[in-house]
C-alpha cells in the first residue's frame, strides 16, 4: 500500500487521516496467491490541515509507493515532497 509520512511542523495540524480518492479494485493474484487491492489509472491522496498562524510555512514529507503490471512489480519507491502554504 501507498504510505505518506509528513515531517513535523509546529504551525500545521493534520485533520483526520489521508483520504484516497479513486476507483479501488480487488483481484486475486495468481503469482502471489492472495487478493490484491489497487487503483487503476488515477488516484488522489487528500490530507486536510489547519494552519496555526498566518505565517508562511510548508508541509513536507515522503511518499512510498509501488507499481505493478500483470507480469511484475517494481521495488517500492520513495519520493519526497514539499508544498508551500
PDB file of N, CA and C in Angstrom:
ATOM      1  N   UNK A   1       0.826  -1.207   0.000  1.00  0.00           N
ATOM      2  CA  UNK A   1       0.000   0.000   0.000  1.00  0.00           C
ATOM      3  C   UNK A   1       0.863   1.262   0.000  1.00  0.00           C
ATOM      4  N   UNK A   2       0.308   2.303  -0.565  1.00  0.00           N
ATOM      5  CA  UNK A   2       0.982   3.598  -0.575  1.00  0.00           C
ATOM      6  C   UNK A   2       1.020   4.148   0.845  1.00  0.00           C
ATOM      7  N   UNK A   3       2.176   4.704   1.227  1.00  0.00           N
ATOM      8  CA  UNK A   3       2.337   5.309   2.550  1.00  0.00           C
ATOM      9  C   UNK A   3       2.749   6.753   2.367  1.00  0.00           C
ATOM     10  N   UNK A   4       2.141   7.647   3.152  1.00  0.00           N
ATOM     11  CA  UNK A   4       2.501   9.060   3.125  1.00  0.00           C
ATOM     12  C   UNK A   4       2.879   9.461   4.541  1.00  0.00           C
ATOM     13  N   UNK A   5       4.113   9.913   4.705  1.00  0.00           N
ATOM     14  CA  UNK A   5       4.609  10.366   6.004  1.00  0.00           C
ATOM     15  C   UNK A   5       4.904  11.857   5.926  1.00  0.00           C
ATOM     16  N   UNK A   6       4.391  12.595   6.898  1.00  0.00           N
ATOM     17  CA  UNK A   6       4.588  14.034   6.938  1.00  0.00           C
ATOM     18  C   UNK A   6       5.660  14.383   7.961  1.00  0.00           C
ATOM     19  N   UNK A   7       6.533  15.338   7.587  1.00  0.00           N
ATOM     20  CA  UNK A   7       7.507  15.851   8.541  1.00  0.00           C
ATOM     21  C   UNK A   7       6.787  16.741   9.550  1.00  0.00           C
ATOM     22  N   UNK A   8       7.286  16.786  10.767  1.00  0.00           N
ATOM     23  CA  UNK A   8       6.665  17.614  11.809  1.00  0.00           C
ATOM     24  C   UNK A   8       6.833  19.089  11.462  1.00  0.00           C
ATOM     25  N   UNK A   9       5.765  19.842  11.675  1.00  0.00           N
ATOM     26  CA  UNK A   9       5.776  21.290  11.501  1.00  0.00           C
ATOM     27  C   UNK A   9       4.872  21.847  12.587  1.00  0.00           C
ATOM     28  N   UNK A  10       5.417  22.627  13.530  1.00  0.00           N
ATOM     29  CA  UNK A  10       4.608  23.127  14.643  1.00  0.00           C
ATOM     30  C   UNK A  10       3.481  24.081  14.224  1.00  0.00           C
ATOM     31  N   UNK A  11       3.523  24.582  12.983  1.00  0.00           N
ATOM     32  CA  UNK A  11       2.478  25.502  12.519  1.00  0.00           C
ATOM     33  C   UNK A  11       1.336  24.784  11.798  1.00  0.00           C
ATOM     34  N   UNK A  12       1.482  23.487  11.565  1.00  0.00           N
ATOM     35  CA  UNK A  12       0.500  22.744  10.781  1.00  0.00           C
ATOM     36  C   UNK A  12      -0.079  21.608  11.619  1.00  0.00           C
ATOM     37  N   UNK A  13      -1.411  21.498  11.608  1.00  0.00           N
ATOM     38  CA  UNK A  13      -2.116  20.407  12.287  1.00  0.00           C
ATOM     39  C   UNK A  13      -2.836  19.588  11.216  1.00  0.00           C
ATOM     40  N   UNK A  14      -2.570  18.273  11.187  1.00  0.00           N
ATOM     41  CA  UNK A  14      -3.305  17.403  10.272  1.00  0.00           C
ATOM     42  C   UNK A  14      -4.703  17.165  10.848  1.00  0.00           C
ATOM     43  N   UNK A  15      -5.701  17.220   9.998  1.00  0.00           N
ATOM     44  CA  UNK A  15      -7.091  16.994  10.390  1.00  0.00           C
ATOM     45  C   UNK A  15      -7.539  15.680   9.771  1.00  0.00           C
ATOM     46  N   UNK A  16      -7.728  14.674  10.605  1.00  0.00           N
ATOM     47  CA  UNK A  16      -8.154  13.376  10.103  1.00  0.00           C
ATOM     48  C   UNK A  16      -7.026  12.630   9.426  1.00  0.00           C
ATOM     49  N   UNK A  17      -7.410  11.572   8.716  1.00  0.00           N
ATOM     50  CA  UNK A  17      -6.448  10.722   8.012  1.00  0.00           C
ATOM     51  C   UNK A  17      -6.397  11.104   6.541  1.00  0.00           C
ATOM     52  N   UNK A  18      -5.389  10.591   5.851  1.00  0.00           N
ATOM     53  CA  UNK A  18      -5.278  10.782   4.412  1.00  0.00           C
ATOM     54  C   UNK A  18      -6.421  10.026   3.738  1.00  0.00           C
ATOM     55  N   UNK A  19      -7.150  10.720   2.875  1.00  0.00           N
ATOM     56  CA  UNK A  19      -8.242  10.106   2.122  1.00  0.00           C
ATOM     57  C   UNK A  19      -7.730   9.666   0.762  1.00  0.00           C
ATOM     58  N   UNK A  20      -8.179   8.526   0.299  1.00  0.00           N
ATOM     59  CA  UNK A  20      -7.821   8.010  -1.016  1.00  0.00           C
ATOM     60  C   UNK A  20      -9.036   8.152  -1.921  1.00  0.00           C
ATOM     61  N   UNK A  21      -8.875   8.904  -3.001  1.00  0.00           N
ATOM     62  CA  UNK A  21      -9.985   9.166  -3.906  1.00  0.00           C
ATOM     63  C   UNK A  21      -9.653   8.559  -5.268  1.00  0.00           C
ATOM     64  N   UNK A  22     -10.274   7.436  -5.578  1.00  0.00           N
ATOM     65  CA  UNK A  22     -10.040   6.745  -6.840  1.00  0.00           C
ATOM     66  C   UNK A  22     -10.854   5.470  -6.870  1.00  0.00           C
ATOM     67  N   UNK A  23     -10.769   4.757  -7.969  1.00  0.00           N
ATOM     68  CA  UNK A  23     -11.517   3.512  -8.108  1.00  0.00           C
ATOM     69  C   UNK A  23     -10.660   2.367  -7.561  1.00  0.00           C
ATOM     70  N   UNK A  24     -10.972   1.919  -6.349  1.00  0.00           N
ATOM     71  CA  UNK A  24     -10.248   0.819  -5.719  1.00  0.00           C
ATOM     72  C   UNK A  24     -10.731  -0.496  -6.316  1.00  0.00           C
ATOM     73  N   UNK A  25      -9.787  -1.281  -6.804  1.00  0.00           N
ATOM     74  CA  UNK A  25     -10.130  -2.563  -7.414  1.00  0.00           C
ATOM     75  C   UNK A  25      -9.489  -3.697  -6.620  1.00  0.00           C
ATOM     76  N   UNK A  26     -10.118  -4.873  -6.697  1.00  0.00           N
ATOM     77  CA  UNK A  26      -9.633  -6.052  -5.975  1.00  0.00           C
ATOM     78  C   UNK A  26      -9.593  -7.211  -6.953  1.00  0.00           C
ATOM     79  N   UNK A  27      -8.481  -7.941  -6.921  1.00  0.00           N
ATOM     80  CA  UNK A  27      -8.351  -9.106  -7.790  1.00  0.00           C
ATOM     81  C   UNK A  27      -7.465 -10.143  -7.113  1.00  0.00           C
ATOM     82  N   UNK A  28      -7.628 -11.381  -7.516  1.00  0.00           N
ATOM     83  CA  UNK A  28      -6.784 -12.446  -6.992  1.00  0.00           C
ATOM     84  C   UNK A  28      -5.539 -12.533  -7.864  1.00  0.00           C
ATOM     85  N   UNK A  29      -4.372 -12.452  -7.239  1.00  0.00           N
ATOM     86  CA  UNK A  29      -3.101 -12.511  -7.948  1.00  0.00           C
ATOM     87  C   UNK A  29      -2.585 -13.946  -7.944  1.00  0.00           C
ATOM     88  N   UNK A  30      -2.524 -14.563  -9.117  1.00  0.00           N
ATOM     89  CA  UNK A  30      -2.070 -15.947  -9.235  1.00  0.00           C
ATOM     90  C   UNK A  30      -0.611 -16.107  -8.827  1.00  0.00           C
ATOM     91  N   UNK A  31       0.211 -15.079  -9.059  1.00  0.00           N
ATOM     92  CA  UNK A  31       1.638 -15.162  -8.707  1.00  0.00           C
ATOM     93  C   UNK A  31       1.846 -15.252  -7.205  1.00  0.00           C
ATOM     94  N   UNK A  32       1.131 -14.400  -6.456  1.00  0.00           N
ATOM     95  CA  UNK A  32       1.303 -14.336  -5.004  1.00  0.00           C
ATOM     96  C   UNK A  32       0.264 -15.156  -4.245  1.00  0.00           C
ATOM     97  N   UNK A  33      -0.763 -15.610  -4.956  1.00  0.00           N
ATOM     98  CA  UNK A  33      -1.844 -16.407  -4.357  1.00  0.00           C
ATOM     99  C   UNK A  33      -2.576 -15.651  -3.244  1.00  0.00           C
ATOM    100  N   UNK A  34      -2.788 -14.364  -3.442  1.00  0.00           N
ATOM    101  CA  UNK A  34      -3.510 -13.529  -2.483  1.00  0.00           C
ATOM    102  C   UNK A  34      -4.382 -12.536  -3.250  1.00  0.00           C
ATOM    103  N   UNK A  35      -5.382 -11.995  -2.559  1.00  0.00           N
ATOM    104  CA  UNK A  35      -6.156 -10.895  -3.115  1.00  0.00           C
ATOM    105  C   UNK A  35      -5.331  -9.623  -2.995  1.00  0.00           C
ATOM    106  N   UNK A  36      -5.295  -8.826  -4.046  1.00  0.00           N
ATOM    107  CA  UNK A  36      -4.568  -7.565  -4.018  1.00  0.00           C
ATOM    108  C   UNK A  36      -5.538  -6.425  -4.312  1.00  0.00           C
ATOM    109  N   UNK A  37      -5.317  -5.317  -3.645  1.00  0.00           N
ATOM    110  CA  UNK A  37      -6.092  -4.103  -3.860  1.00  0.00           C
ATOM    111  C   UNK A  37      -5.219  -3.114  -4.613  1.00  0.00           C
ATOM    112  N   UNK A  38      -5.809  -2.416  -5.569  1.00  0.00           N
ATOM    113  CA  UNK A  38      -5.028  -1.446  -6.328  1.00  0.00           C
ATOM    114  C   UNK A  38      -5.957  -0.399  -6.937  1.00  0.00           C
ATOM    115  N   UNK A  39      -5.365   0.731  -7.297  1.00  0.00           N
ATOM    116  CA  UNK A  39      -6.074   1.769  -8.023  1.00  0.00           C
ATOM    117  C   UNK A  39      -5.593   1.733  -9.460  1.00  0.00           C
ATOM    118  N   UNK A  40      -6.521   1.655 -10.386  1.00  0.00           N
ATOM    119  CA  UNK A  40      -6.129   1.679 -11.791  1.00  0.00           C
ATOM    120  C   UNK A  40      -6.274   3.098 -12.322  1.00  0.00           C
ATOM    121  N   UNK A  41      -5.365   3.463 -13.167  1.00  0.00           N
ATOM    122  CA  UNK A  41      -5.345   4.744 -13.876  1.00  0.00           C
ATOM    123  C   UNK A  41      -5.012   5.936 -12.996  1.00  0.00           C
ATOM    124  N   UNK A  42      -5.810   6.246 -11.976  1.00  0.00           N
ATOM    125  CA  UNK A  42      -5.612   7.502 -11.262  1.00  0.00           C
ATOM    126  C   UNK A  42      -6.130   7.396  -9.834  1.00  0.00           C
ATOM    127  N   UNK A  43      -5.406   7.996  -8.899  1.00  0.00           N
ATOM    128  CA  UNK A  43      -5.853   8.109  -7.515  1.00  0.00           C
ATOM    129  C   UNK A  43      -5.337   9.428  -6.954  1.00  0.00           C
ATOM    130  N   UNK A  44      -6.125  10.064  -6.108  1.00  0.00           N
ATOM    131  CA  UNK A  44      -5.700  11.277  -5.404  1.00  0.00           C
ATOM    132  C   UNK A  44      -5.656  10.976  -3.920  1.00  0.00           C
ATOM    133  N   UNK A  45      -4.612  11.450  -3.253  1.00  0.00           N
ATOM    134  CA  UNK A  45      -4.491  11.315  -1.816  1.00  0.00           C
ATOM    135  C   UNK A  45      -4.682  12.709  -1.230  1.00  0.00           C
ATOM    136  N   UNK A  46      -5.633  12.841  -0.300  1.00  0.00           N
ATOM    137  CA  UNK A  46      -6.025  14.155   0.216  1.00  0.00           C
ATOM    138  C   UNK A  46      -5.854  14.195   1.728  1.00  0.00           C
ATOM    139  N   UNK A  47      -5.102  15.178   2.213  1.00  0.00           N
ATOM    140  CA  UNK A  47      -4.922  15.384   3.649  1.00  0.00           C
ATOM    141  C   UNK A  47      -5.405  16.785   4.000  1.00  0.00           C
ATOM    142  N   UNK A  48      -6.429  16.879   4.846  1.00  0.00           N
ATOM    143  CA  UNK A  48      -6.891  18.175   5.328  1.00  0.00           C
ATOM    144  C   UNK A  48      -5.961  18.635   6.441  1.00  0.00           C
ATOM    145  N   UNK A  49      -5.723  19.954   6.481  1.00  0.00           N
ATOM    146  CA  UNK A  49      -4.838  20.524   7.504  1.00  0.00           C
ATOM    147  C   UNK A  49      -5.415  21.834   8.022  1.00  0.00           C
ATOM    148  N   UNK A  50      -4.908  22.265   9.176  1.00  0.00           N
ATOM    149  CA  UNK A  50      -5.174  23.598   9.703  1.00  0.00           C
ATOM    150  C   UNK A  50      -3.823  24.242   9.962  1.00  0.00           C
ATOM    151  N   UNK A  51      -3.743  25.541   9.682  1.00  0.00           N
ATOM    152  CA  UNK A  51      -2.514  26.277   9.934  1.00  0.00           C
ATOM    153  C   UNK A  51      -2.728  27.111  11.188  1.00  0.00           C
ATOM    154  N   UNK A  52      -1.797  26.988  12.159  1.00  0.00           N
ATOM    155  CA  UNK A  52      -1.947  27.648  13.454  1.00  0.00           C
ATOM    156  C   UNK A  52      -1.750  29.153  13.389  1.00  0.00           C
ATOM    157  N   UNK A  53      -0.945  29.625  12.463  1.00  0.00           N
ATOM    158  CA  UNK A  53      -0.652  31.062  12.383  1.00  0.00           C
ATOM    159  C   UNK A  53      -0.709  31.500  10.929  1.00  0.00           C
ATOM    160  N   UNK A  54      -0.755  32.803  10.718  1.00  0.00           N
ATOM    161  CA  UNK A  54      -0.825  33.317   9.349  1.00  0.00           C
ATOM    162  C   UNK A  54       0.570  33.502   8.746  1.00  0.00           C
ATOM    163  N   UNK A  55       1.545  32.813   9.276  1.00  0.00           N
ATOM    164  CA  UNK A  55       2.906  32.895   8.757  1.00  0.00           C
ATOM    165  C   UNK A  55       3.068  31.985   7.544  1.00  0.00           C
ATOM    166  N   UNK A  56       4.041  32.319   6.682  1.00  0.00           N
ATOM    167  CA  UNK A  56       4.350  31.440   5.559  1.00  0.00           C
ATOM    168  C   UNK A  56       5.045  30.202   6.109  1.00  0.00           C
ATOM    169  N   UNK A  57       4.621  29.038   5.615  1.00  0.00           N
ATOM    170  CA  UNK A  57       5.215  27.777   6.049  1.00  0.00           C
ATOM    171  C   UNK A  57       5.068  26.763   4.933  1.00  0.00           C
ATOM    172  N   UNK A  58       5.405  25.546   5.188  1.00  0.00           N
ATOM    173  CA  UNK A  58       5.254  24.489   4.188  1.00  0.00           C
ATOM    174  C   UNK A  58       4.918  23.185   4.884  1.00  0.00           C
ATOM    175  N   UNK A  59       4.409  22.261   4.104  1.00  0.00           N
ATOM    176  CA  UNK A  59       4.195  20.903   4.576  1.00  0.00           C
ATOM    177  C   UNK A  59       5.062  20.011   3.672  1.00  0.00           C
ATOM    178  N   UNK A  60       5.771  19.091   4.299  1.00  0.00           N
ATOM    179  CA  UNK A  60       6.684  18.246   3.531  1.00  0.00           C
ATOM    180  C   UNK A  60       6.670  16.836   4.096  1.00  0.00           C
ATOM    181  N   UNK A  61       7.236  15.926   3.338  1.00  0.00           N
ATOM    182  CA  UNK A  61       7.279  14.544   3.795  1.00  0.00           C
ATOM    183  C   UNK A  61       7.763  13.616   2.706  1.00  0.00           C
ATOM    184  N   UNK A  62       7.325  12.356   2.819  1.00  0.00           N
ATOM    185  CA  UNK A  62       7.772  11.304   1.914  1.00  0.00           C
ATOM    186  C   UNK A  62       6.586  10.427   1.517  1.00  0.00           C
ATOM    187  N   UNK A  63       6.509  10.084   0.235  1.00  0.00           N
ATOM    188  CA  UNK A  63       5.505   9.159  -0.284  1.00  0.00           C
ATOM    189  C   UNK A  63       6.236   7.888  -0.705  1.00  0.00           C
ATOM    190  N   UNK A  64       5.731   6.739  -0.246  1.00  0.00           N
ATOM    191  CA  UNK A  64       6.294   5.454  -0.659  1.00  0.00           C
ATOM    192  C   UNK A  64       5.212   4.688  -1.416  1.00  0.00           C
ATOM    193  N   UNK A  65       5.556   4.228  -2.600  1.00  0.00           N
ATOM    194  CA  UNK A  65       4.574   3.544  -3.431  1.00  0.00           C
ATOM    195  C   UNK A  65       5.252   2.448  -4.253  1.00  0.00           C
ATOM    196  N   UNK A  66       4.423   1.619  -4.881  1.00  0.00           N
ATOM    197  CA  UNK A  66       4.913   0.530  -5.715  1.00  0.00           C
ATOM    198  C   UNK A  66       4.001   0.415  -6.927  1.00  0.00           C
ATOM    199  N   UNK A  67       4.583   0.098  -8.067  1.00  0.00           N
ATOM    200  CA  UNK A  67       3.782  -0.101  -9.274  1.00  0.00           C
ATOM    201  C   UNK A  67       3.965  -1.526  -9.775  1.00  0.00           C
ATOM    202  N   UNK A  68       2.879  -2.059 -10.306  1.00  0.00           N
ATOM    203  CA  UNK A  68       2.885  -3.435 -10.815  1.00  0.00           C
ATOM    204  C   UNK A  68       2.100  -3.491 -12.111  1.00  0.00           C
ATOM    205  N   UNK A  69       2.406  -4.516 -12.893  1.00  0.00           N
ATOM    206  CA  UNK A  69       1.560  -4.852 -14.024  1.00  0.00           C
ATOM    207  C   UNK A  69       1.220  -6.330 -13.903  1.00  0.00           C
ATOM    208  N   UNK A  70       0.726  -6.938 -14.965  1.00  0.00           N
ATOM    209  CA  UNK A  70       0.308  -8.340 -14.859  1.00  0.00           C
ATOM    210  C   UNK A  70       1.479  -9.322 -14.844  1.00  0.00           C
ATOM    211  N   UNK A  71       2.715  -8.828 -14.984  1.00  0.00           N
ATOM    212  CA  UNK A  71       3.875  -9.708 -15.007  1.00  0.00           C
ATOM    213  C   UNK A  71       4.846  -9.491 -13.847  1.00  0.00           C
ATOM    214  N   UNK A  72       4.968  -8.258 -13.368  1.00  0.00           N
ATOM    215  CA  UNK A  72       5.951  -7.995 -12.315  1.00  0.00           C
ATOM    216  C   UNK A  72       5.598  -6.744 -11.527  1.00  0.00           C
ATOM    217  N   UNK A  73       6.248  -6.622 -10.367  1.00  0.00           N
ATOM    218  CA  UNK A  73       6.138  -5.435  -9.533  1.00  0.00           C
ATOM    219  C   UNK A  73       7.531  -4.840  -9.381  1.00  0.00           C
ATOM    220  N   UNK A  74       7.623  -3.543  -9.524  1.00  0.00           N
ATOM    221  CA  UNK A  74       8.896  -2.870  -9.289  1.00  0.00           C
ATOM    222  C   UNK A  74       9.087  -2.703  -7.788  1.00  0.00           C
ATOM    223  N   UNK A  75      10.337  -2.583  -7.329  1.00  0.00           N
ATOM    224  CA  UNK A  75      10.563  -2.379  -5.898  1.00  0.00           C
ATOM    225  C   UNK A  75       9.901  -1.082  -5.423  1.00  0.00           C
ATOM    226  N   UNK A  76       9.554  -1.003  -4.138  1.00  0.00           N
ATOM    227  CA  UNK A  76       8.962   0.233  -3.620  1.00  0.00           C
ATOM    228  C   UNK A  76       9.866   1.440  -3.892  1.00  0.00           C
ATOM    229  N   UNK A  77       9.235   2.565  -4.195  1.00  0.00           N
ATOM    230  CA  UNK A  77       9.931   3.814  -4.493  1.00  0.00           C
ATOM    231  C   UNK A  77       9.525   4.852  -3.463  1.00  0.00           C
ATOM    232  N   UNK A  78      10.487   5.654  -3.010  1.00  0.00           N
ATOM    233  CA  UNK A  78      10.216   6.754  -2.088  1.00  0.00           C
ATOM    234  C   UNK A  78      10.507   8.072  -2.784  1.00  0.00           C
ATOM    235  N   UNK A  79       9.571   9.014  -2.651  1.00  0.00           N
ATOM    236  CA  UNK A  79       9.724  10.354  -3.238  1.00  0.00           C
ATOM    237  C   UNK A  79       9.396  11.380  -2.160  1.00  0.00           C
ATOM    238  N   UNK A  80      10.262  12.354  -2.004  1.00  0.00           N
ATOM    239  CA  UNK A  80       9.989  13.427  -1.048  1.00  0.00           C
ATOM    240  C   UNK A  80       9.113  14.481  -1.726  1.00  0.00           C
ATOM    241  N   UNK A  81       8.375  15.232  -0.914  1.00  0.00           N
ATOM    242  CA  UNK A  81       7.547  16.320  -1.431  1.00  0.00           C
ATOM    243  C   UNK A  81       7.607  17.501  -0.469  1.00  0.00           C
ATOM    244  N   UNK A  82       7.320  18.671  -0.994  1.00  0.00           N
ATOM    245  CA  UNK A  82       7.264  19.898  -0.202  1.00  0.00           C
ATOM    246  C   UNK A  82       6.261  20.833  -0.861  1.00  0.00           C
ATOM    247  N   UNK A  83       5.294  21.314  -0.086  1.00  0.00           N
ATOM    248  CA  UNK A  83       4.252  22.194  -0.597  1.00  0.00           C
ATOM    249  C   UNK A  83       4.248  23.466   0.238  1.00  0.00           C
ATOM    250  N   UNK A  84       4.456  24.600  -0.442  1.00  0.00           N
ATOM    251  CA  UNK A  84       4.385  25.888   0.254  1.00  0.00           C
ATOM    252  C   UNK A  84       2.939  26.233   0.556  1.00  0.00           C
ATOM    253  N   UNK A  85       2.696  26.708   1.774  1.00  0.00           N
ATOM    254  CA  UNK A  85       1.334  27.066   2.199  1.00  0.00           C
ATOM    255  C   UNK A  85       1.221  28.574   2.348  1.00  0.00           C
TER     256      UNK A  85
END
